[in-house]
Amino acid sequence: MEIEWIKPAAFIGSIVYALVGVLVFWISFIIIDKITPYNLWEEIVEKQNRALGMVVAAMCLGISIIVAAAIHG
């Protein structure tokens, strides 16, 4: 009985997919930040806009689910 995740190829593959997923997520976030009429970071952090923070959080979860499904499937 062999444990699959201990194999070096599976471990390195997981690291590569994780890095690709994070990269795609950040690129998507930057694109969405650029197409909105205001600076998301400034609105959320400096002006404490909680409603916008919740919308961005939902958007981040959606992008993360899409990236995870694309990598997995």
N, C-alpha and C. Protein backbone atom coordinates (compact mmCIF):
# COMPACT_ATOMS: atom_id res chain seq x y z
N MET A 1 0.85 -1.18 0.00
CA MET A 1 0.00 0.00 0.00
C MET A 1 0.90 1.25 0.00
N GLU A 2 0.83 1.99 -1.09
CA GLU A 2 1.68 3.14 -1.25
C GLU A 2 0.88 4.43 -1.04
N ILE A 3 1.53 5.40 -0.43
CA ILE A 3 0.88 6.70 -0.22
C ILE A 3 1.25 7.60 -1.39
N GLU A 4 0.23 8.05 -2.13
CA GLU A 4 0.44 8.79 -3.37
C GLU A 4 1.11 10.15 -3.17
N TRP A 5 0.75 10.87 -2.12
CA TRP A 5 1.24 12.24 -1.97
C TRP A 5 2.68 12.34 -1.51
N ILE A 6 3.29 11.21 -1.13
CA ILE A 6 4.69 11.22 -0.73
C ILE A 6 5.62 11.20 -1.95
N LYS A 7 5.14 10.76 -3.08
CA LYS A 7 5.97 10.71 -4.27
C LYS A 7 6.42 12.11 -4.67
N PRO A 8 7.69 12.28 -5.03
CA PRO A 8 8.21 13.61 -5.38
C PRO A 8 7.48 14.25 -6.57
N ALA A 9 7.10 13.45 -7.55
CA ALA A 9 6.42 14.01 -8.72
C ALA A 9 5.06 14.59 -8.34
N ALA A 10 4.34 13.91 -7.47
CA ALA A 10 3.03 14.41 -7.03
C ALA A 10 3.20 15.68 -6.19
N PHE A 11 4.21 15.71 -5.35
CA PHE A 11 4.46 16.89 -4.50
C PHE A 11 4.84 18.10 -5.35
N ILE A 12 5.75 17.92 -6.28
CA ILE A 12 6.18 19.03 -7.14
C ILE A 12 5.03 19.48 -8.03
N GLY A 13 4.24 18.55 -8.53
CA GLY A 13 3.07 18.91 -9.33
C GLY A 13 2.09 19.74 -8.53
N SER A 14 1.87 19.39 -7.29
CA SER A 14 0.96 20.16 -6.43
C SER A 14 1.48 21.57 -6.20
N ILE A 15 2.77 21.71 -5.98
CA ILE A 15 3.37 23.03 -5.78
C ILE A 15 3.23 23.88 -7.05
N VAL A 16 3.51 23.29 -8.19
CA VAL A 16 3.40 24.02 -9.46
C VAL A 16 1.96 24.46 -9.71
N TYR A 17 1.00 23.57 -9.51
CA TYR A 17 -0.40 23.94 -9.71
C TYR A 17 -0.85 25.02 -8.72
N ALA A 18 -0.36 24.95 -7.50
CA ALA A 18 -0.71 25.99 -6.52
C ALA A 18 -0.16 27.34 -6.96
N LEU A 19 1.08 27.38 -7.42
CA LEU A 19 1.67 28.64 -7.88
C LEU A 19 0.95 29.18 -9.11
N VAL A 20 0.59 28.30 -10.03
CA VAL A 20 -0.17 28.73 -11.21
C VAL A 20 -1.53 29.29 -10.80
N GLY A 21 -2.18 28.63 -9.86
CA GLY A 21 -3.47 29.10 -9.38
C GLY A 21 -3.40 30.47 -8.74
N VAL A 22 -2.38 30.69 -7.90
CA VAL A 22 -2.20 31.99 -7.25
C VAL A 22 -1.89 33.06 -8.29
N LEU A 23 -1.06 32.74 -9.26
CA LEU A 23 -0.72 33.69 -10.31
C LEU A 23 -1.95 34.09 -11.13
N VAL A 24 -2.74 33.12 -11.52
CA VAL A 24 -3.97 33.41 -12.28
C VAL A 24 -4.94 34.23 -11.43
N PHE A 25 -5.04 33.91 -10.15
CA PHE A 25 -5.92 34.67 -9.26
C PHE A 25 -5.50 36.13 -9.18
N TRP A 26 -4.21 36.39 -8.96
CA TRP A 26 -3.73 37.77 -8.83
C TRP A 26 -3.87 38.55 -10.13
N ILE A 27 -3.62 37.90 -11.26
CA ILE A 27 -3.80 38.58 -12.55
C ILE A 27 -5.27 38.93 -12.75
N SER A 28 -6.17 38.03 -12.39
CA SER A 28 -7.61 38.31 -12.49
C SER A 28 -8.01 39.46 -11.59
N PHE A 29 -7.48 39.49 -10.38
CA PHE A 29 -7.80 40.57 -9.45
C PHE A 29 -7.30 41.91 -9.97
N ILE A 30 -6.10 41.94 -10.53
CA ILE A 30 -5.55 43.18 -11.07
C ILE A 30 -6.39 43.66 -12.26
N ILE A 31 -6.81 42.76 -13.11
CA ILE A 31 -7.65 43.14 -14.26
C ILE A 31 -8.97 43.72 -13.77
N ILE A 32 -9.59 43.08 -12.81
CA ILE A 32 -10.86 43.59 -12.28
C ILE A 32 -10.66 44.93 -11.59
N ASP A 33 -9.55 45.10 -10.90
CA ASP A 33 -9.24 46.38 -10.26
C ASP A 33 -9.09 47.49 -11.30
N LYS A 34 -8.48 47.17 -12.43
CA LYS A 34 -8.27 48.17 -13.48
C LYS A 34 -9.57 48.55 -14.19
N ILE A 35 -10.51 47.62 -14.33
CA ILE A 35 -11.73 47.95 -15.07
C ILE A 35 -12.81 48.61 -14.21
N THR A 36 -12.62 48.61 -12.90
CA THR A 36 -13.58 49.31 -12.04
C THR A 36 -13.24 50.80 -12.03
N PRO A 37 -14.24 51.66 -11.82
CA PRO A 37 -13.99 53.10 -11.90
C PRO A 37 -13.26 53.68 -10.68
N TYR A 38 -12.92 52.89 -9.70
CA TYR A 38 -12.24 53.38 -8.50
C TYR A 38 -11.17 52.37 -8.09
N ASN A 39 -10.29 52.79 -7.21
CA ASN A 39 -9.21 51.93 -6.73
C ASN A 39 -9.76 51.04 -5.60
N LEU A 40 -9.85 49.75 -5.86
CA LEU A 40 -10.42 48.83 -4.88
C LEU A 40 -9.65 48.84 -3.58
N TRP A 41 -8.32 48.82 -3.64
CA TRP A 41 -7.50 48.76 -2.43
C TRP A 41 -7.73 50.00 -1.56
N GLU A 42 -7.75 51.17 -2.19
CA GLU A 42 -7.96 52.41 -1.44
C GLU A 42 -9.34 52.45 -0.82
N GLU A 43 -10.35 52.02 -1.56
CA GLU A 43 -11.72 52.03 -1.04
C GLU A 43 -11.87 51.08 0.16
N ILE A 44 -11.27 49.91 0.06
CA ILE A 44 -11.45 48.91 1.12
C ILE A 44 -10.58 49.22 2.34
N VAL A 45 -9.30 49.53 2.13
CA VAL A 45 -8.37 49.67 3.24
C VAL A 45 -8.44 51.07 3.86
N GLU A 46 -8.38 52.09 3.03
CA GLU A 46 -8.30 53.45 3.59
C GLU A 46 -9.68 54.02 3.96
N LYS A 47 -10.67 53.77 3.12
CA LYS A 47 -12.00 54.34 3.37
C LYS A 47 -12.91 53.38 4.14
N GLN A 48 -12.45 52.18 4.40
CA GLN A 48 -13.19 51.17 5.18
C GLN A 48 -14.57 50.88 4.61
N ASN A 49 -14.65 50.73 3.30
CA ASN A 49 -15.91 50.43 2.63
C ASN A 49 -16.21 48.94 2.78
N ARG A 50 -17.02 48.61 3.78
CA ARG A 50 -17.28 47.19 4.09
C ARG A 50 -18.12 46.51 3.03
N ALA A 51 -19.06 47.23 2.45
CA ALA A 51 -19.91 46.63 1.40
C ALA A 51 -19.05 46.23 0.20
N LEU A 52 -18.17 47.11 -0.21
CA LEU A 52 -17.27 46.78 -1.32
C LEU A 52 -16.33 45.65 -0.94
N GLY A 53 -15.90 45.62 0.31
CA GLY A 53 -15.05 44.53 0.77
C GLY A 53 -15.74 43.18 0.66
N MET A 54 -17.02 43.14 0.99
CA MET A 54 -17.76 41.88 0.87
C MET A 54 -17.95 41.48 -0.59
N VAL A 55 -18.18 42.46 -1.46
CA VAL A 55 -18.32 42.15 -2.89
C VAL A 55 -16.99 41.62 -3.44
N VAL A 56 -15.89 42.25 -3.07
CA VAL A 56 -14.58 41.79 -3.53
C VAL A 56 -14.26 40.41 -2.97
N ALA A 57 -14.64 40.16 -1.73
CA ALA A 57 -14.43 38.83 -1.14
C ALA A 57 -15.20 37.76 -1.90
N ALA A 58 -16.43 38.06 -2.26
CA ALA A 58 -17.24 37.11 -3.04
C ALA A 58 -16.62 36.90 -4.42
N MET A 59 -16.13 37.99 -5.02
CA MET A 59 -15.47 37.88 -6.32
C MET A 59 -14.22 37.01 -6.21
N CYS A 60 -13.44 37.20 -5.15
CA CYS A 60 -12.24 36.40 -4.95
C CYS A 60 -12.56 34.92 -4.78
N LEU A 61 -13.60 34.62 -4.04
CA LEU A 61 -14.01 33.21 -3.89
C LEU A 61 -14.45 32.63 -5.23
N GLY A 62 -15.19 33.40 -6.00
CA GLY A 62 -15.62 32.93 -7.32
C GLY A 62 -14.44 32.65 -8.24
N ILE A 63 -13.49 33.58 -8.29
CA ILE A 63 -12.29 33.38 -9.13
C ILE A 63 -11.51 32.16 -8.64
N SER A 64 -11.40 32.01 -7.32
CA SER A 64 -10.66 30.87 -6.76
C SER A 64 -11.31 29.54 -7.12
N ILE A 65 -12.62 29.49 -7.07
CA ILE A 65 -13.33 28.26 -7.43
C ILE A 65 -13.14 27.94 -8.91
N ILE A 66 -13.20 28.96 -9.75
CA ILE A 66 -13.00 28.74 -11.19
C ILE A 66 -11.59 28.26 -11.48
N VAL A 67 -10.59 28.87 -10.85
CA VAL A 67 -9.20 28.46 -11.06
C VAL A 67 -8.99 27.02 -10.57
N ALA A 68 -9.55 26.71 -9.39
CA ALA A 68 -9.40 25.36 -8.84
C ALA A 68 -10.05 24.32 -9.76
N ALA A 69 -11.23 24.65 -10.28
CA ALA A 69 -11.91 23.70 -11.17
C ALA A 69 -11.14 23.54 -12.48
N ALA A 70 -10.56 24.62 -12.98
CA ALA A 70 -9.80 24.54 -14.22
C ALA A 70 -8.54 23.71 -14.05
N ILE A 71 -7.87 23.86 -12.90
CA ILE A 71 -6.65 23.11 -12.65
C ILE A 71 -6.96 21.64 -12.38
N HIS A 72 -8.02 21.39 -11.63
CA HIS A 72 -8.36 20.02 -11.25
C HIS A 72 -8.89 19.22 -12.43
N GLY A 73 -9.70 19.84 -13.24
CA GLY A 73 -10.41 19.08 -14.24
C GLY A 73 -9.85 19.15 -15.58
